[in-house]
Protein backbone atom coordinates (compact mmCIF):
# COMPACT_ATOMS: atom_id res chain seq x y z
CA MET A 1 3.75 37.42 -8.24
CA ILE A 2 0.97 36.69 -10.74
CA ASP A 3 -1.28 33.78 -9.80
CA PRO A 4 -1.07 31.28 -12.72
CA LEU A 5 -4.45 29.74 -11.93
CA ARG A 6 -7.77 30.85 -13.36
CA TYR A 7 -10.81 30.80 -11.12
CA ARG A 8 -14.52 30.47 -11.51
CA TYR A 9 -16.87 32.28 -9.13
CA GLN A 10 -20.41 30.99 -8.89
CA THR A 11 -23.40 31.40 -6.64
CA VAL A 12 -25.17 28.25 -5.57
CA GLU A 13 -28.77 28.36 -4.33
CA ILE A 14 -29.58 25.79 -1.65
CA GLY A 15 -33.14 26.29 -0.48
CA ASP A 16 -33.36 29.95 0.51
CA MET A 17 -29.61 30.27 0.99
CA GLU A 18 -27.11 31.65 -1.51
CA ILE A 19 -23.53 30.42 -1.19
CA HIS A 20 -20.64 31.82 -3.19
CA ILE A 21 -17.89 29.45 -4.28
CA ARG A 22 -14.51 29.99 -5.89
CA SER A 23 -13.45 26.91 -7.84
CA LEU A 24 -10.91 26.09 -10.53
CA ARG A 25 -11.98 27.48 -13.90
CA ASP A 26 -10.05 24.78 -15.72
CA ILE A 27 -8.70 21.72 -13.92
CA LEU A 28 -6.06 21.35 -16.66
CA ASP A 29 -4.38 24.43 -15.18
CA PHE A 30 -3.48 22.35 -12.17
CA HIS A 31 -1.74 19.51 -13.98
CA HIS A 32 1.54 21.45 -14.07
CA GLU A 33 1.78 21.02 -10.31
CA SER A 34 3.02 17.43 -10.63
CA SER A 35 5.69 17.87 -7.95
CA MET A 36 3.03 19.00 -5.48
CA ALA A 37 1.01 15.91 -6.34
CA GLN A 38 3.99 13.67 -5.66
CA ASP A 39 4.73 15.40 -2.36
CA ALA A 40 1.11 14.90 -1.30
CA ASP A 41 1.09 11.29 -2.56
CA ILE A 42 -1.89 12.06 -4.80
CA CYS A 43 -2.26 10.65 -8.32
CA ASP A 44 -1.60 13.31 -11.00
CA THR A 45 -4.96 12.70 -12.65
CA GLN A 46 -6.82 13.17 -9.35
CA PHE A 47 -4.80 16.14 -8.14
CA PRO A 48 -7.05 18.92 -9.57
CA LEU A 49 -10.34 17.28 -8.57
CA PHE A 50 -10.59 19.05 -5.20
CA GLY A 51 -11.27 22.31 -7.08
CA VAL A 52 -14.48 21.16 -8.79
CA LEU A 53 -17.96 21.62 -7.37
CA TRP A 54 -19.28 18.07 -7.77
CA PRO A 55 -22.99 17.09 -7.88
CA SER A 56 -22.56 14.97 -4.73
CA SER A 57 -21.47 18.06 -2.79
CA LEU A 58 -24.63 19.88 -3.88
CA ILE A 59 -26.77 16.98 -2.69
CA LEU A 60 -24.98 16.87 0.66
CA ALA A 61 -25.49 20.61 1.09
CA GLU A 62 -29.22 20.12 0.44
CA VAL A 63 -29.34 17.41 3.12
CA MET A 64 -27.52 19.71 5.57
CA LEU A 65 -29.96 22.56 4.94
CA THR A 66 -32.58 21.08 7.26
CA ARG A 67 -30.44 18.80 9.42
CA LYS A 68 -30.63 19.35 13.17
CA ILE A 69 -27.26 20.75 14.22
CA LYS A 70 -27.76 22.19 17.70
CA ASN A 71 -25.04 21.06 20.13
CA LEU A 72 -23.47 18.75 17.54
CA ASN A 73 -19.74 18.58 16.83
CA ILE A 74 -19.56 18.04 13.06
CA LEU A 75 -16.75 16.96 10.72
CA GLU A 76 -16.66 16.95 6.92
CA VAL A 77 -14.17 14.45 5.45
CA GLY A 78 -12.61 14.86 2.00
CA CYS A 79 -14.15 18.32 1.94
CA GLY A 80 -12.73 19.70 -1.34
CA LEU A 81 -14.42 23.09 -1.78
CA ALA A 82 -16.42 22.49 1.42
CA LEU A 83 -19.79 23.71 0.18
CA PRO A 84 -21.78 21.71 2.80
CA SER A 85 -19.55 22.98 5.60
CA ILE A 86 -19.90 26.60 4.52
CA LEU A 87 -23.67 26.14 4.55
CA LEU A 88 -23.48 24.60 8.02
CA SER A 89 -21.27 27.43 9.26
CA LEU A 90 -23.78 29.98 7.99
CA ARG A 91 -26.42 28.05 9.94
CA GLY A 92 -24.34 28.38 13.10
CA ALA A 93 -22.96 24.84 13.30
CA SER A 94 -19.77 23.76 15.04
CA ILE A 95 -17.96 22.35 12.00
CA LYS A 96 -14.43 21.30 11.07
CA VAL A 97 -13.16 19.98 7.75
CA THR A 98 -10.40 17.64 6.59
CA ASP A 99 -8.78 16.83 3.28
CA ASN A 100 -5.47 15.44 2.06
CA HIS A 101 -5.04 18.04 -0.69
CA PRO A 102 -2.44 20.77 -0.01
CA SER A 103 -4.48 23.53 -1.72
CA VAL A 104 -7.78 23.00 0.09
CA ALA A 105 -6.90 25.37 2.93
CA THR A 106 -6.26 28.27 0.52
CA PHE A 107 -9.56 27.81 -1.29
CA LEU A 108 -11.39 27.36 2.02
CA THR A 109 -10.02 30.66 3.33
CA GLU A 110 -11.23 32.49 0.22
CA ASN A 111 -14.66 30.86 0.26
CA ILE A 112 -15.09 31.71 3.94
CA ARG A 113 -14.17 35.32 3.14
CA ILE A 114 -16.61 35.78 0.27
CA ASN A 115 -19.44 34.21 2.27
CA GLN A 116 -18.61 36.20 5.41
CA CYS A 117 -19.12 33.16 7.60
CA GLU A 118 -17.30 32.18 10.77
CA PRO A 119 -13.85 30.57 10.36
CA ILE A 120 -13.95 26.83 9.68
CA PRO A 121 -10.96 24.95 11.10
CA PHE A 122 -9.12 22.88 8.49
CA ILE A 123 -7.07 19.82 9.43
CA HIS A 124 -4.87 18.02 6.94
CA ALA A 125 -5.80 14.34 7.29
CA ASP A 126 -4.61 11.32 5.35
CA TRP A 127 -6.81 8.26 6.01
CA GLU A 128 -4.50 5.78 4.33
CA ASN A 129 -1.38 6.69 6.28
CA GLY A 130 -3.15 6.95 9.59
CA HIS A 131 -2.92 10.71 10.09
CA GLU A 132 -5.51 11.63 12.66
CA LEU A 133 -6.96 14.77 14.14
CA PRO A 134 -5.20 16.30 17.16
CA GLU A 135 -5.99 14.51 20.42
CA ARG A 136 -8.27 12.15 18.52
CA GLU A 137 -11.14 14.61 18.65
CA GLN A 138 -14.50 12.86 18.28
CA PHE A 139 -17.67 13.97 16.52
CA ASP A 140 -21.44 13.50 16.69
CA LEU A 141 -21.94 13.83 12.93
CA ILE A 142 -19.46 13.03 10.15
CA ILE A 143 -20.32 13.90 6.55
CA GLY A 144 -18.73 13.43 3.15
CA SER A 145 -19.53 13.51 -0.56
CA ASP A 146 -18.03 11.37 -3.34
CA VAL A 147 -15.19 10.17 -1.12
CA LEU A 148 -15.02 6.51 -2.19
CA TYR A 149 -13.08 6.67 -5.45
CA GLN A 150 -11.17 3.43 -4.89
CA ARG A 151 -11.90 0.16 -3.11
CA ASP A 152 -9.11 0.74 -0.57
CA ASP A 153 -10.79 3.99 0.48
CA SER A 154 -13.53 1.96 2.20
CA ALA A 155 -11.29 0.49 4.90
CA ASP A 156 -9.18 3.64 5.27
CA LEU A 157 -12.21 5.90 5.72
CA SER A 158 -14.08 3.54 8.05
CA ASN A 159 -10.96 3.26 10.25
CA PHE A 160 -10.65 7.05 10.32
CA ILE A 161 -14.33 7.39 11.22
CA ASN A 162 -13.96 4.82 13.98
CA LEU A 163 -11.16 6.89 15.52
CA HIS A 164 -13.12 10.13 15.42
CA SER A 165 -16.75 9.15 16.03
CA ARG A 166 -18.41 9.25 19.40
CA GLN A 167 -20.16 6.11 20.54
CA LYS A 168 -23.46 7.68 19.51
CA CYS A 169 -22.74 9.04 16.05
CA GLU A 170 -24.27 9.51 12.62
CA VAL A 171 -22.36 9.38 9.34
CA ILE A 172 -23.83 10.70 6.08
CA ILE A 173 -22.08 9.90 2.81
CA VAL A 174 -23.38 10.99 -0.59
CA ASP A 175 -22.15 8.66 -3.33
CA PRO A 176 -22.80 8.74 -7.11
CA ASN A 177 -22.83 4.93 -7.27
CA ARG A 178 -19.10 4.56 -7.87
CA GLY A 179 -19.27 0.92 -6.79
CA ASN A 180 -17.31 0.97 -3.53
CA GLN A 181 -20.20 1.72 -1.19
CA LYS A 182 -20.94 -1.98 -0.67
CA GLU A 183 -17.48 -2.60 0.80
CA PHE A 184 -17.73 0.58 2.87
CA LYS A 185 -21.09 -0.58 4.24
CA LYS A 186 -19.45 -3.87 5.26
CA GLN A 187 -16.62 -2.03 7.02
CA MET A 188 -19.03 0.29 8.83
CA LYS A 189 -21.19 -2.61 9.98
CA ALA A 190 -18.09 -4.18 11.53
CA ILE A 191 -17.63 -1.12 13.76
CA GLY A 192 -21.27 -1.04 14.83
CA PHE A 193 -23.05 1.23 12.34
CA ALA A 194 -26.49 0.43 10.95
CA HIS A 195 -27.25 1.57 7.40
CA SER A 196 -30.07 3.06 5.37
CA LYS A 197 -30.15 5.06 2.15
CA ASP A 198 -32.18 7.38 -0.05
CA GLU A 199 -31.74 7.16 -3.80
CA ARG A 200 -31.28 10.47 -5.56
CA ILE A 201 -31.03 11.88 -9.07
CA PHE A 202 -28.04 14.18 -9.47
CA TYR A 203 -27.58 16.77 -12.21
CA ASP A 204 -24.14 17.71 -13.50
CA GLU A 205 -23.23 21.12 -14.91
CA PHE A 206 -24.64 20.07 -18.29
CA GLN A 207 -27.94 19.07 -16.63
CA SER A 208 -27.34 15.41 -17.41
CA LYS A 209 -29.02 13.01 -15.00
CA LEU A 210 -26.84 10.88 -12.74
CA LYS A 211 -28.03 8.27 -10.26
CA GLY A 212 -26.68 8.13 -6.73
CA SER A 213 -27.64 7.76 -3.10
CA VAL A 214 -27.45 9.42 0.29
CA HIS A 215 -26.17 6.80 2.73
CA TYR A 216 -26.99 7.15 6.41
CA TYR A 217 -24.98 5.26 9.02
CA SER A 218 -25.91 5.41 12.69
CA ARG A 219 -24.47 3.97 15.87
CA LEU A 220 -26.42 4.29 19.10
C-alpha cells in the first residue's frame, strides 16, 4: 500500500548535537483524515499540527541540552514530534512522552530509528477526559512546548500534572505568548508550584522573530 503522506526530513542542530526529524511536508495532506480527527476528538484544523516542528519545541530542546537529568524520571506532555525527548534520550535520560494524537506513535518510532536512540515509551493521554498514565506514574520533571492553545487547556493540563508529579517536582513549559499562560500559572499556584520565567526570541522557519517565554514551575 502506498503511503499517501509526504514527509520532510531535516537535521536540527542543538548545541553540538544533530537530531534528525521526520515531519509532515505539507499539513494540508492530513486534512483528508477527518474521520480520524473525529475519532480522536480533535478539531479538524488542529489535527495536522502534531507533525510540524514548532519554534517552541526548538527552544525546549535547547533548554534540555544542559539540564541536569541524572536519576530523574522525565515526562514530555503534548510531545508532537518529540524533539526535546529525542535529545534527552540521546543524553541518556529516563524519558516518556504523551500526546492525544493517534499518529504521534508512528512518527516517534521513525524518529527514534533515524536517530538510533533508545526506545522512548509513548502513552496516549487525554488531559480533558481524565485519561492518565498507568498506575498514576509520577515524575521529577515534566516538560512541554506550545501546549496551551485554549483557555480550558490550563485547568486540564494542571490537573494532569498534579496527578503525575512527585511532591518535589519541576515543570518547564515553553509558550509563544498565546495568552493562556496567566490562567495556567494560577492553576499551578493552586497546587503548590512557584513560578519564574525567561523571555525568549523565537525564530520560525522564515526567520521571522516571535516573542515567547520559558516558564519554570517548581514545587519543593
